[in-house]
């Protein structure tokens, strides 16, 4: 089995430090390697006289500070020394940096912190994590700032029963195999009936999940986030998994971006699968 590469973007905030602690525990369980990445963006307009020189000198000074911050981070999370790890500094926006490293090094999973909030604050805090989930075609584990690592015994996979590439579920199965988890496939619908297309999709799930413990649940409700939250609490779920779709009904059910709301507001780790 090849070594899993886990990319962890950090900005040295408490939220990202907590995500790193989670990622280290995950790497131990999955026998993976941690790649720590920090992106810097020097706010100088290109085209200005001497801009290239200014950017170069500023970037060099910032990188020296970042390397010091990495050293402090290792002291705060000493357990990282127990797994293979590297540090990376990129001069770009975080999503571009993650995309670049993912393409060049073959990343298997991204672990990022998320800080739930409301109103204007919601538009800023956690937006980087959501942007990476939306734009990068790699599974992402979003770790809330107060979440701590524990064994993942029960995972709820919220499915819209739309056309799904079954190989996209492999990260979900990897968690189930690593922890011996039970997968709860949950479908929330406004109507009481499941269409023939949705039933065909459920049959595909059954064939793909046949080697792991799993079962299916159907809830009639028009509030996806509330239904998932209630199900999680009632069934003592340890992780939520979903597949945010781009520009489809799932991301804008009833006019609301439920994928974003769930990602930002969940109080437990969330596994977002690429579509």
Protein backbone atom coordinates (compact mmCIF):
# COMPACT_ATOMS: atom_id res chain seq x y z
CA UNK A 1 0.00 0.00 0.00
CA UNK A 2 1.42 3.39 -1.01
CA UNK A 3 1.90 6.06 1.64
CA UNK A 4 -1.04 8.47 1.91
CA UNK A 5 -0.07 12.10 1.41
CA UNK A 6 -2.08 14.47 3.59
CA UNK A 7 -1.86 18.19 2.79
CA UNK A 8 -2.49 20.56 5.71
CA UNK A 9 -2.75 24.29 4.92
CA UNK A 10 -1.84 26.37 7.98
CA UNK A 11 -2.00 30.07 8.77
CA UNK A 12 -0.68 29.44 12.33
CA UNK A 13 -4.03 30.32 13.89
CA UNK A 14 -5.45 28.14 16.67
CA UNK A 15 -7.97 26.80 14.18
CA UNK A 16 -5.29 25.56 11.76
CA UNK A 17 -3.15 24.22 14.62
CA UNK A 18 -6.11 22.13 15.77
CA UNK A 19 -6.55 20.85 12.20
CA UNK A 20 -2.86 19.87 12.14
CA UNK A 21 -3.22 17.95 15.40
CA UNK A 22 -6.15 16.09 13.85
CA UNK A 23 -4.18 15.42 10.65
CA UNK A 24 -1.22 14.01 12.59
CA UNK A 25 -3.48 11.55 14.43
CA UNK A 26 -5.06 10.64 11.10
CA UNK A 27 -1.65 10.12 9.49
CA UNK A 28 -0.67 7.75 12.29
CA UNK A 29 -3.86 5.74 11.77
CA UNK A 30 -3.57 5.66 7.97
CA UNK A 31 0.25 5.46 7.86
CA UNK A 32 0.44 8.72 5.97
CA UNK A 33 2.82 11.61 5.40
CA UNK A 34 2.00 15.23 6.32
CA UNK A 35 2.74 18.10 3.94
CA UNK A 36 2.38 21.44 5.72
CA UNK A 37 1.72 24.37 3.41
CA UNK A 38 1.56 28.10 4.08
CA UNK A 39 0.74 30.58 1.31
CA UNK A 40 1.95 34.17 1.26
CA UNK A 41 0.63 36.92 -0.97
CA UNK A 42 2.67 40.13 -1.26
CA UNK A 43 0.26 43.02 -2.03
CA UNK A 44 2.33 44.86 -4.64
CA UNK A 45 0.90 45.78 -8.03
CA UNK A 46 2.96 44.25 -10.82
CA UNK A 47 3.99 46.70 -13.52
CA UNK A 48 5.09 49.33 -11.03
CA UNK A 49 8.70 50.51 -11.34
CA UNK A 50 10.91 48.19 -9.35
CA UNK A 51 7.95 45.97 -8.43
CA UNK A 52 9.77 42.72 -9.19
CA UNK A 53 12.67 43.63 -6.91
CA UNK A 54 10.33 44.75 -4.14
CA UNK A 55 8.27 41.56 -4.37
CA UNK A 56 11.42 39.42 -4.29
CA UNK A 57 12.86 41.13 -1.23
CA UNK A 58 9.55 41.21 0.64
CA UNK A 59 8.90 37.55 -0.14
CA UNK A 60 12.35 36.59 1.14
CA UNK A 61 11.75 38.41 4.42
CA UNK A 62 8.29 36.90 4.79
CA UNK A 63 9.59 33.39 4.09
CA UNK A 64 12.14 33.78 6.88
CA UNK A 65 9.31 34.72 9.25
CA UNK A 66 7.22 31.79 8.02
CA UNK A 67 10.07 29.33 8.61
CA UNK A 68 10.30 30.62 12.18
CA UNK A 69 6.55 30.15 12.52
CA UNK A 70 6.88 26.58 11.23
CA UNK A 71 9.52 25.92 13.90
CA UNK A 72 7.18 27.27 16.59
CA UNK A 73 4.35 25.16 15.17
CA UNK A 74 6.39 21.97 15.47
CA UNK A 75 6.99 22.82 19.13
CA UNK A 76 3.24 23.27 19.66
CA UNK A 77 2.42 19.99 17.88
CA UNK A 78 5.40 17.76 18.79
CA UNK A 79 3.51 14.61 17.73
CA UNK A 80 4.19 15.58 14.10
CA UNK A 81 7.73 14.30 14.61
CA UNK A 82 6.20 10.81 14.90
CA UNK A 83 5.15 10.83 11.22
CA UNK A 84 6.99 11.81 8.03
CA UNK A 85 6.42 15.48 7.20
CA UNK A 86 7.64 18.33 5.02
CA UNK A 87 6.95 22.07 4.97
CA UNK A 88 6.07 24.10 1.87
CA UNK A 89 5.82 27.86 1.33
CA UNK A 90 3.98 29.18 -1.71
CA UNK A 91 3.65 32.78 -2.93
CA UNK A 92 0.03 32.71 -4.06
CA UNK A 93 -3.53 32.62 -2.83
CA UNK A 94 -4.32 29.57 -0.72
CA UNK A 95 -6.56 27.83 -3.27
CA UNK A 96 -3.96 28.28 -6.02
CA UNK A 97 -1.23 27.04 -3.69
CA UNK A 98 -3.21 23.94 -2.72
CA UNK A 99 -4.01 23.21 -6.36
CA UNK A 100 -0.36 23.57 -7.41
CA UNK A 101 0.99 21.29 -4.68
CA UNK A 102 -1.79 18.76 -5.18
CA UNK A 103 -0.97 18.50 -8.87
CA UNK A 104 2.79 18.23 -8.41
CA UNK A 105 2.96 15.84 -5.47
CA UNK A 106 -0.11 13.61 -5.83
CA UNK A 107 -2.00 14.55 -2.67
CA UNK A 108 -4.53 11.97 -1.42
CA UNK A 109 -6.34 14.11 1.14
CA UNK A 110 -6.50 17.67 2.47
CA UNK A 111 -7.15 18.49 6.12
CA UNK A 112 -8.21 22.07 6.92
CA UNK A 113 -9.61 23.89 9.91
CA UNK A 114 -12.96 25.66 9.74
CA UNK A 115 -14.41 28.25 12.08
CA UNK A 116 -18.20 28.43 12.15
CA UNK A 117 -19.75 31.88 12.30
CA UNK A 118 -22.76 33.91 11.22
CA UNK A 119 -23.58 36.93 9.09
CA UNK A 120 -20.67 38.93 7.66
CA UNK A 121 -18.18 36.94 9.73
CA UNK A 122 -19.39 33.76 8.02
CA UNK A 123 -18.39 35.18 4.65
CA UNK A 124 -14.77 35.45 5.84
CA UNK A 125 -14.12 32.77 8.44
CA UNK A 126 -14.09 29.29 6.95
CA UNK A 127 -14.32 30.59 3.39
CA UNK A 128 -10.86 29.27 2.48
CA UNK A 129 -11.88 25.76 3.45
CA UNK A 130 -15.10 26.01 1.48
CA UNK A 131 -13.25 27.41 -1.55
CA UNK A 132 -10.79 24.51 -1.52
CA UNK A 133 -13.65 22.00 -1.23
CA UNK A 134 -15.48 23.70 -4.09
CA UNK A 135 -12.50 24.17 -6.42
CA UNK A 136 -10.04 21.33 -5.73
CA UNK A 137 -10.93 17.84 -6.89
CA UNK A 138 -9.46 16.09 -3.83
CA UNK A 139 -11.21 14.84 -0.67
CA UNK A 140 -11.12 17.39 2.15
CA UNK A 141 -11.55 16.80 5.87
CA UNK A 142 -12.89 20.01 7.41
CA UNK A 143 -12.03 20.12 11.12
CA UNK A 144 -13.99 22.55 13.36
CA UNK A 145 -11.86 24.63 15.70
CA UNK A 146 -13.09 22.78 18.81
CA UNK A 147 -13.11 19.25 17.38
CA UNK A 148 -10.61 16.70 18.64
CA UNK A 149 -9.48 13.44 17.08
CA UNK A 150 -11.29 10.27 18.05
CA UNK A 151 -12.06 6.92 16.52
CA UNK A 152 -14.57 7.18 13.68
CA UNK A 153 -17.09 4.47 14.48
CA UNK A 154 -20.09 5.85 12.61
CA UNK A 155 -20.08 7.99 9.45
CA UNK A 156 -23.20 9.48 7.93
CA UNK A 157 -22.98 9.99 4.17
CA UNK A 158 -25.62 12.51 3.08
CA UNK A 159 -26.50 11.56 -0.48
CA UNK A 160 -28.82 13.25 -2.96
CA UNK A 161 -28.98 10.01 -4.98
CA UNK A 162 -27.95 11.83 -8.13
CA UNK A 163 -25.47 10.32 -10.58
CA UNK A 164 -22.30 9.54 -8.64
CA UNK A 165 -18.99 8.18 -9.85
CA UNK A 166 -18.56 5.32 -7.42
CA UNK A 167 -14.77 5.75 -7.32
CA UNK A 168 -15.40 9.14 -5.67
CA UNK A 169 -16.51 7.19 -2.60
CA UNK A 170 -13.08 5.58 -2.15
CA UNK A 171 -11.93 8.10 0.53
CA UNK A 172 -15.09 7.27 2.48
CA UNK A 173 -14.29 3.58 2.24
CA UNK A 174 -10.68 4.29 3.28
CA UNK A 175 -11.96 5.79 6.54
CA UNK A 176 -14.33 2.87 7.04
CA UNK A 177 -11.54 0.36 6.52
CA UNK A 178 -9.03 2.22 8.72
CA UNK A 179 -11.42 2.60 11.66
CA UNK A 180 -13.82 -0.30 11.09
CA UNK A 181 -16.55 2.31 10.68
CA UNK A 182 -20.21 1.80 9.94
CA UNK A 183 -21.55 3.95 7.07
CA UNK A 184 -25.05 5.41 7.32
CA UNK A 185 -26.29 6.43 3.86
CA UNK A 186 -28.82 9.20 4.50
CA UNK A 187 -31.17 10.64 1.90
CA UNK A 188 -33.27 13.70 2.77
CA UNK A 189 -36.09 14.47 0.36
CA UNK A 190 -39.04 16.85 0.15
CA UNK A 191 -41.26 14.07 -1.19
CA UNK A 192 -42.31 10.69 0.13
CA UNK A 193 -41.37 8.77 -3.00
CA UNK A 194 -37.97 7.80 -4.39
CA UNK A 195 -37.73 7.99 -8.18
CA UNK A 196 -36.61 5.06 -10.30
CA UNK A 197 -33.37 6.97 -11.06
CA UNK A 198 -32.71 7.43 -7.35
CA UNK A 199 -33.43 3.76 -6.72
CA UNK A 200 -30.94 2.78 -9.43
CA UNK A 201 -28.35 4.99 -7.72
CA UNK A 202 -29.06 3.31 -4.37
CA UNK A 203 -28.44 -0.07 -6.01
CA UNK A 204 -25.06 1.18 -7.24
CA UNK A 205 -24.20 2.22 -3.67
CA UNK A 206 -25.18 -1.23 -2.44
CA UNK A 207 -22.81 -2.94 -4.85
CA UNK A 208 -19.94 -0.56 -4.08
CA UNK A 209 -20.33 -0.66 -0.28
CA UNK A 210 -20.87 -4.40 -0.02
CA UNK A 211 -17.58 -5.03 1.81
CA UNK A 212 -18.14 -2.49 4.61
CA UNK A 213 -20.85 -2.25 7.24
CA UNK A 214 -23.57 0.07 6.00
CA UNK A 215 -27.30 0.74 5.98
CA UNK A 216 -29.74 3.22 4.45
CA UNK A 217 -32.05 5.86 5.90
CA UNK A 218 -34.68 8.05 4.25
CA UNK A 219 -36.02 11.27 5.81
CA UNK A 220 -38.81 13.43 4.42
CA UNK A 221 -37.99 17.06 5.23
CA UNK A 222 -37.31 20.36 3.46
CA UNK A 223 -34.41 21.35 5.73
CA UNK A 224 -31.34 19.28 4.88
CA UNK A 225 -29.04 20.83 7.48
CA UNK A 226 -31.54 20.37 10.32
CA UNK A 227 -32.29 16.79 9.31
CA UNK A 228 -28.62 15.85 9.19
CA UNK A 229 -28.00 17.55 12.53
CA UNK A 230 -30.84 15.68 14.22
CA UNK A 231 -29.75 12.38 12.69
CA UNK A 232 -26.15 12.94 13.82
CA UNK A 233 -27.22 13.60 17.40
CA UNK A 234 -29.70 10.73 17.59
CA UNK A 235 -27.33 8.14 16.12
CA UNK A 236 -24.09 9.25 17.80
CA UNK A 237 -22.36 9.94 14.50
CA UNK A 238 -18.60 10.67 14.55
CA UNK A 239 -18.15 12.14 11.06
CA UNK A 240 -20.34 13.68 8.37
CA UNK A 241 -19.57 13.05 4.72
CA UNK A 242 -21.13 14.68 1.70
CA UNK A 243 -20.42 15.40 -1.94
CA UNK A 244 -20.88 19.13 -2.63
CA UNK A 245 -21.85 19.48 -6.26
CA UNK A 246 -20.97 22.48 -8.38
CA UNK A 247 -23.87 24.39 -9.92
CA UNK A 248 -26.42 21.67 -9.20
CA UNK A 249 -29.59 21.24 -7.20
CA UNK A 250 -27.72 19.77 -4.25
CA UNK A 251 -25.73 22.94 -3.61
CA UNK A 252 -28.79 25.16 -3.94
CA UNK A 253 -31.63 23.08 -2.52
CA UNK A 254 -34.65 25.30 -2.07
CA UNK A 255 -32.55 28.37 -2.85
CA UNK A 256 -30.04 27.91 -0.01
CA UNK A 257 -26.41 26.83 -0.23
CA UNK A 258 -26.71 23.95 2.21
CA UNK A 259 -23.29 22.49 1.43
CA UNK A 260 -21.64 25.71 2.60
CA UNK A 261 -23.83 26.00 5.69
CA UNK A 262 -23.11 22.45 6.79
CA UNK A 263 -19.37 22.83 6.20
CA UNK A 264 -19.17 26.05 8.20
CA UNK A 265 -21.52 25.13 11.04
CA UNK A 266 -20.87 21.47 11.78
CA UNK A 267 -19.28 20.80 15.16
CA UNK A 268 -17.65 17.56 14.05
CA UNK A 269 -15.19 16.62 11.29
CA UNK A 270 -16.69 16.62 7.81
CA UNK A 271 -15.38 14.62 4.86
CA UNK A 272 -16.16 16.38 1.57
CA UNK A 273 -15.80 14.05 -1.39
CA UNK A 274 -14.89 15.24 -4.89
CA UNK A 275 -17.56 14.83 -7.52
